[in-house]
Amino acid sequence: MKIKETIERIPGGMMIVPLIVGAIINTLFPNAGKTFGSFTGALMTGSLPILAVFYVCMGATINFKAPYILKKGGALLSTKVGIAMIRTADCIWL
C-alpha cells in the first residue's frame, strides 16, 4: 500500500502521522465529534482515541496470507477447545 509505505518513511510515522492528523482535525473542527454523532464523538473524547489509533495501526500490520492465518487461528482454536474439554471433563469427575 502506498499510504503505509509513505507513513513508514517518517520515523515513528505509524504513531506520529495519525496523531498530527487528529490534532489538525480537532483544531480546525473542534465540534466535529458532536456533529457526526455518538460514535464519532466518543472517538474524539476521553481515552478512546488512543485505542482507536492503536487498532488502526495494528490493523495496518495484519498479514493476510491464508496459510499463516489458518495455521495460527487453527492452533488457537484447537487450544481453546482442548482446554475447554479438559476443564469440562475435570468438572464432571468432581
N, C-alpha and C. Protein backbone atom coordinates (compact mmCIF):
# COMPACT_ATOMS: atom_id res chain seq x y z
N MET A 1 0.84 -1.19 0.00
CA MET A 1 0.00 0.00 0.00
C MET A 1 0.88 1.24 0.00
N LYS A 2 0.54 2.16 -0.83
CA LYS A 2 1.32 3.40 -0.93
C LYS A 2 1.20 4.25 0.34
N ILE A 3 0.02 4.28 0.96
CA ILE A 3 -0.17 5.11 2.15
C ILE A 3 0.72 4.62 3.28
N LYS A 4 0.72 3.31 3.52
CA LYS A 4 1.52 2.75 4.60
C LYS A 4 3.01 2.94 4.33
N GLU A 5 3.45 2.75 3.09
CA GLU A 5 4.85 2.95 2.73
C GLU A 5 5.28 4.40 2.95
N THR A 6 4.38 5.33 2.61
CA THR A 6 4.69 6.74 2.81
C THR A 6 4.79 7.07 4.29
N ILE A 7 3.87 6.53 5.08
CA ILE A 7 3.89 6.80 6.52
C ILE A 7 5.13 6.19 7.16
N GLU A 8 5.55 5.02 6.69
CA GLU A 8 6.72 4.36 7.28
C GLU A 8 8.03 5.06 6.96
N ARG A 9 8.06 5.94 5.98
CA ARG A 9 9.28 6.72 5.69
C ARG A 9 9.58 7.70 6.80
N ILE A 10 8.55 8.13 7.52
CA ILE A 10 8.71 9.07 8.63
C ILE A 10 9.08 8.27 9.87
N PRO A 11 10.12 8.66 10.62
CA PRO A 11 10.46 7.93 11.84
C PRO A 11 9.30 7.98 12.84
N GLY A 12 8.85 6.82 13.25
CA GLY A 12 7.70 6.74 14.17
C GLY A 12 6.41 7.14 13.51
N GLY A 13 6.35 7.01 12.19
CA GLY A 13 5.22 7.51 11.41
C GLY A 13 3.89 6.86 11.73
N MET A 14 3.89 5.58 12.12
CA MET A 14 2.63 4.91 12.42
C MET A 14 1.95 5.49 13.66
N MET A 15 2.72 6.19 14.48
CA MET A 15 2.11 6.85 15.64
C MET A 15 2.01 8.36 15.43
N ILE A 16 3.01 8.94 14.81
CA ILE A 16 3.07 10.39 14.67
C ILE A 16 2.05 10.91 13.67
N VAL A 17 1.93 10.28 12.53
CA VAL A 17 1.03 10.78 11.48
C VAL A 17 -0.43 10.79 11.94
N PRO A 18 -0.98 9.70 12.51
CA PRO A 18 -2.36 9.79 13.00
C PRO A 18 -2.54 10.83 14.10
N LEU A 19 -1.50 10.99 14.93
CA LEU A 19 -1.56 11.99 15.99
C LEU A 19 -1.66 13.39 15.41
N ILE A 20 -0.85 13.68 14.41
CA ILE A 20 -0.86 15.00 13.78
C ILE A 20 -2.17 15.23 13.02
N VAL A 21 -2.63 14.21 12.29
CA VAL A 21 -3.90 14.34 11.57
C VAL A 21 -5.04 14.59 12.53
N GLY A 22 -5.06 13.86 13.65
CA GLY A 22 -6.09 14.08 14.65
C GLY A 22 -6.02 15.45 15.28
N ALA A 23 -4.82 15.94 15.54
CA ALA A 23 -4.66 17.27 16.11
C ALA A 23 -5.13 18.35 15.14
N ILE A 24 -4.85 18.17 13.85
CA ILE A 24 -5.30 19.14 12.84
C ILE A 24 -6.82 19.13 12.74
N ILE A 25 -7.42 17.94 12.69
CA ILE A 25 -8.88 17.86 12.60
C ILE A 25 -9.53 18.48 13.83
N ASN A 26 -8.99 18.17 15.01
CA ASN A 26 -9.57 18.71 16.24
C ASN A 26 -9.37 20.22 16.34
N THR A 27 -8.29 20.75 15.78
CA THR A 27 -8.06 22.19 15.81
C THR A 27 -8.99 22.91 14.84
N LEU A 28 -9.12 22.38 13.62
CA LEU A 28 -9.94 23.05 12.61
C LEU A 28 -11.44 22.85 12.85
N PHE A 29 -11.81 21.69 13.35
CA PHE A 29 -13.23 21.37 13.57
C PHE A 29 -13.44 20.84 14.99
N PRO A 30 -13.42 21.71 16.00
CA PRO A 30 -13.49 21.24 17.39
C PRO A 30 -14.82 20.58 17.76
N ASN A 31 -15.90 20.87 17.08
CA ASN A 31 -17.20 20.29 17.40
C ASN A 31 -17.60 19.17 16.43
N ALA A 32 -16.66 18.65 15.68
CA ALA A 32 -16.97 17.62 14.68
C ALA A 32 -17.52 16.36 15.33
N GLY A 33 -17.02 16.00 16.51
CA GLY A 33 -17.49 14.80 17.18
C GLY A 33 -18.97 14.88 17.52
N LYS A 34 -19.41 16.02 18.01
CA LYS A 34 -20.82 16.20 18.36
C LYS A 34 -21.69 16.26 17.10
N THR A 35 -21.14 16.80 16.02
CA THR A 35 -21.89 16.94 14.78
C THR A 35 -22.20 15.59 14.14
N PHE A 36 -21.22 14.68 14.14
CA PHE A 36 -21.39 13.40 13.45
C PHE A 36 -22.08 12.33 14.27
N GLY A 37 -22.24 12.53 15.56
CA GLY A 37 -22.98 11.57 16.37
C GLY A 37 -22.18 10.97 17.51
N SER A 38 -22.78 10.01 18.17
CA SER A 38 -22.21 9.48 19.41
C SER A 38 -20.92 8.68 19.19
N PHE A 39 -20.85 7.87 18.14
CA PHE A 39 -19.65 7.07 17.92
C PHE A 39 -18.45 7.96 17.59
N THR A 40 -18.63 8.88 16.67
CA THR A 40 -17.54 9.79 16.31
C THR A 40 -17.19 10.68 17.48
N GLY A 41 -18.20 11.11 18.23
CA GLY A 41 -17.93 11.92 19.42
C GLY A 41 -17.12 11.17 20.44
N ALA A 42 -17.41 9.87 20.60
CA ALA A 42 -16.65 9.05 21.54
C ALA A 42 -15.20 8.88 21.08
N LEU A 43 -14.99 8.82 19.77
CA LEU A 43 -13.63 8.70 19.26
C LEU A 43 -12.80 9.95 19.51
N MET A 44 -13.45 11.08 19.67
CA MET A 44 -12.73 12.34 19.81
C MET A 44 -12.63 12.82 21.25
N THR A 45 -13.15 12.07 22.21
CA THR A 45 -13.07 12.49 23.61
C THR A 45 -12.65 11.30 24.47
N GLY A 46 -12.04 11.58 25.59
CA GLY A 46 -11.68 10.53 26.54
C GLY A 46 -10.48 9.71 26.10
N SER A 47 -10.42 8.49 26.61
CA SER A 47 -9.28 7.62 26.31
C SER A 47 -9.50 6.78 25.06
N LEU A 48 -10.67 6.85 24.47
CA LEU A 48 -10.97 6.04 23.30
C LEU A 48 -10.13 6.42 22.06
N PRO A 49 -9.75 7.67 21.87
CA PRO A 49 -8.94 7.98 20.67
C PRO A 49 -7.63 7.22 20.60
N ILE A 50 -6.95 7.06 21.74
CA ILE A 50 -5.68 6.34 21.69
C ILE A 50 -5.90 4.87 21.36
N LEU A 51 -7.02 4.31 21.84
CA LEU A 51 -7.34 2.93 21.48
C LEU A 51 -7.68 2.81 20.00
N ALA A 52 -8.40 3.79 19.47
CA ALA A 52 -8.74 3.78 18.06
C ALA A 52 -7.47 3.84 17.20
N VAL A 53 -6.54 4.71 17.56
CA VAL A 53 -5.27 4.81 16.82
C VAL A 53 -4.51 3.50 16.93
N PHE A 54 -4.50 2.91 18.11
CA PHE A 54 -3.82 1.64 18.32
C PHE A 54 -4.39 0.56 17.40
N TYR A 55 -5.72 0.46 17.32
CA TYR A 55 -6.34 -0.55 16.48
C TYR A 55 -6.11 -0.29 14.99
N VAL A 56 -6.08 0.97 14.60
CA VAL A 56 -5.79 1.30 13.19
C VAL A 56 -4.36 0.88 12.85
N CYS A 57 -3.43 1.21 13.72
CA CYS A 57 -2.03 0.86 13.47
C CYS A 57 -1.84 -0.65 13.50
N MET A 58 -2.53 -1.33 14.41
CA MET A 58 -2.43 -2.78 14.49
C MET A 58 -3.04 -3.41 13.23
N GLY A 59 -4.15 -2.87 12.75
CA GLY A 59 -4.79 -3.38 11.54
C GLY A 59 -3.94 -3.18 10.31
N ALA A 60 -3.11 -2.14 10.32
CA ALA A 60 -2.25 -1.87 9.17
C ALA A 60 -1.13 -2.89 9.05
N THR A 61 -0.84 -3.62 10.13
CA THR A 61 0.26 -4.58 10.09
C THR A 61 -0.22 -6.02 10.02
N ILE A 62 -1.51 -6.25 9.78
CA ILE A 62 -2.04 -7.61 9.70
C ILE A 62 -1.52 -8.30 8.44
N ASN A 63 -1.10 -9.53 8.59
CA ASN A 63 -0.60 -10.33 7.47
C ASN A 63 -1.77 -11.16 6.94
N PHE A 64 -2.16 -10.97 5.70
CA PHE A 64 -3.32 -11.64 5.13
C PHE A 64 -2.96 -12.88 4.31
N LYS A 65 -1.88 -13.53 4.60
CA LYS A 65 -1.52 -14.76 3.90
C LYS A 65 -2.34 -15.90 4.50
N ALA A 66 -3.13 -16.55 3.67
CA ALA A 66 -4.10 -17.55 4.13
C ALA A 66 -3.47 -18.70 4.93
N PRO A 67 -2.39 -19.34 4.48
CA PRO A 67 -1.85 -20.45 5.27
C PRO A 67 -1.41 -20.02 6.67
N TYR A 68 -0.83 -18.84 6.78
CA TYR A 68 -0.38 -18.34 8.08
C TYR A 68 -1.58 -18.11 9.00
N ILE A 69 -2.62 -17.49 8.47
CA ILE A 69 -3.81 -17.21 9.27
C ILE A 69 -4.47 -18.51 9.70
N LEU A 70 -4.61 -19.46 8.79
CA LEU A 70 -5.24 -20.74 9.12
C LEU A 70 -4.42 -21.51 10.15
N LYS A 71 -3.11 -21.49 10.01
CA LYS A 71 -2.25 -22.21 10.95
C LYS A 71 -2.34 -21.58 12.34
N LYS A 72 -2.21 -20.27 12.41
CA LYS A 72 -2.24 -19.58 13.70
C LYS A 72 -3.64 -19.65 14.31
N GLY A 73 -4.67 -19.38 13.51
CA GLY A 73 -6.05 -19.44 14.00
C GLY A 73 -6.44 -20.84 14.41
N GLY A 74 -6.01 -21.83 13.63
CA GLY A 74 -6.31 -23.22 13.96
C GLY A 74 -5.64 -23.66 15.26
N ALA A 75 -4.41 -23.22 15.46
CA ALA A 75 -3.71 -23.55 16.70
C ALA A 75 -4.41 -22.92 17.90
N LEU A 76 -4.80 -21.67 17.76
CA LEU A 76 -5.51 -21.01 18.86
C LEU A 76 -6.86 -21.66 19.14
N LEU A 77 -7.61 -21.95 18.08
CA LEU A 77 -8.92 -22.57 18.25
C LEU A 77 -8.82 -23.95 18.88
N SER A 78 -7.89 -24.77 18.39
CA SER A 78 -7.76 -26.12 18.95
C SER A 78 -7.29 -26.07 20.40
N THR A 79 -6.45 -25.13 20.75
CA THR A 79 -6.01 -24.98 22.14
C THR A 79 -7.19 -24.60 23.03
N LYS A 80 -7.99 -23.64 22.59
CA LYS A 80 -9.15 -23.22 23.38
C LYS A 80 -10.15 -24.36 23.56
N VAL A 81 -10.43 -25.08 22.48
CA VAL A 81 -11.37 -26.19 22.56
C VAL A 81 -10.81 -27.29 23.45
N GLY A 82 -9.53 -27.59 23.31
CA GLY A 82 -8.90 -28.62 24.14
C GLY A 82 -8.95 -28.28 25.62
N ILE A 83 -8.64 -27.04 25.95
CA ILE A 83 -8.68 -26.62 27.35
C ILE A 83 -10.11 -26.67 27.87
N ALA A 84 -11.07 -26.27 27.06
CA ALA A 84 -12.48 -26.34 27.48
C ALA A 84 -12.90 -27.79 27.70
N MET A 85 -12.45 -28.71 26.85
CA MET A 85 -12.81 -30.12 27.02
C MET A 85 -12.17 -30.69 28.29
N ILE A 86 -10.93 -30.35 28.53
CA ILE A 86 -10.25 -30.82 29.75
C ILE A 86 -10.95 -30.25 30.98
N ARG A 87 -11.29 -28.99 30.92
CA ARG A 87 -11.96 -28.34 32.05
C ARG A 87 -13.34 -28.95 32.29
N THR A 88 -14.08 -29.24 31.24
CA THR A 88 -15.39 -29.86 31.36
C THR A 88 -15.27 -31.26 31.93
N ALA A 89 -14.32 -32.04 31.44
CA ALA A 89 -14.11 -33.39 31.95
C ALA A 89 -13.70 -33.36 33.41
N ASP A 90 -12.89 -32.39 33.79
CA ASP A 90 -12.46 -32.22 35.16
C ASP A 90 -13.65 -31.91 36.07
N CYS A 91 -14.58 -31.08 35.62
CA CYS A 91 -15.76 -30.72 36.40
C CYS A 91 -16.70 -31.91 36.54
N ILE A 92 -16.78 -32.75 35.52
CA ILE A 92 -17.67 -33.91 35.58
C ILE A 92 -17.20 -34.90 36.64
N TRP A 93 -15.88 -35.09 36.75
CA TRP A 93 -15.35 -36.07 37.69
C TRP A 93 -15.31 -35.59 39.12
N LEU A 94 -15.53 -34.30 39.36
CA LEU A 94 -15.51 -33.80 40.73
C LEU A 94 -16.74 -34.11 41.46
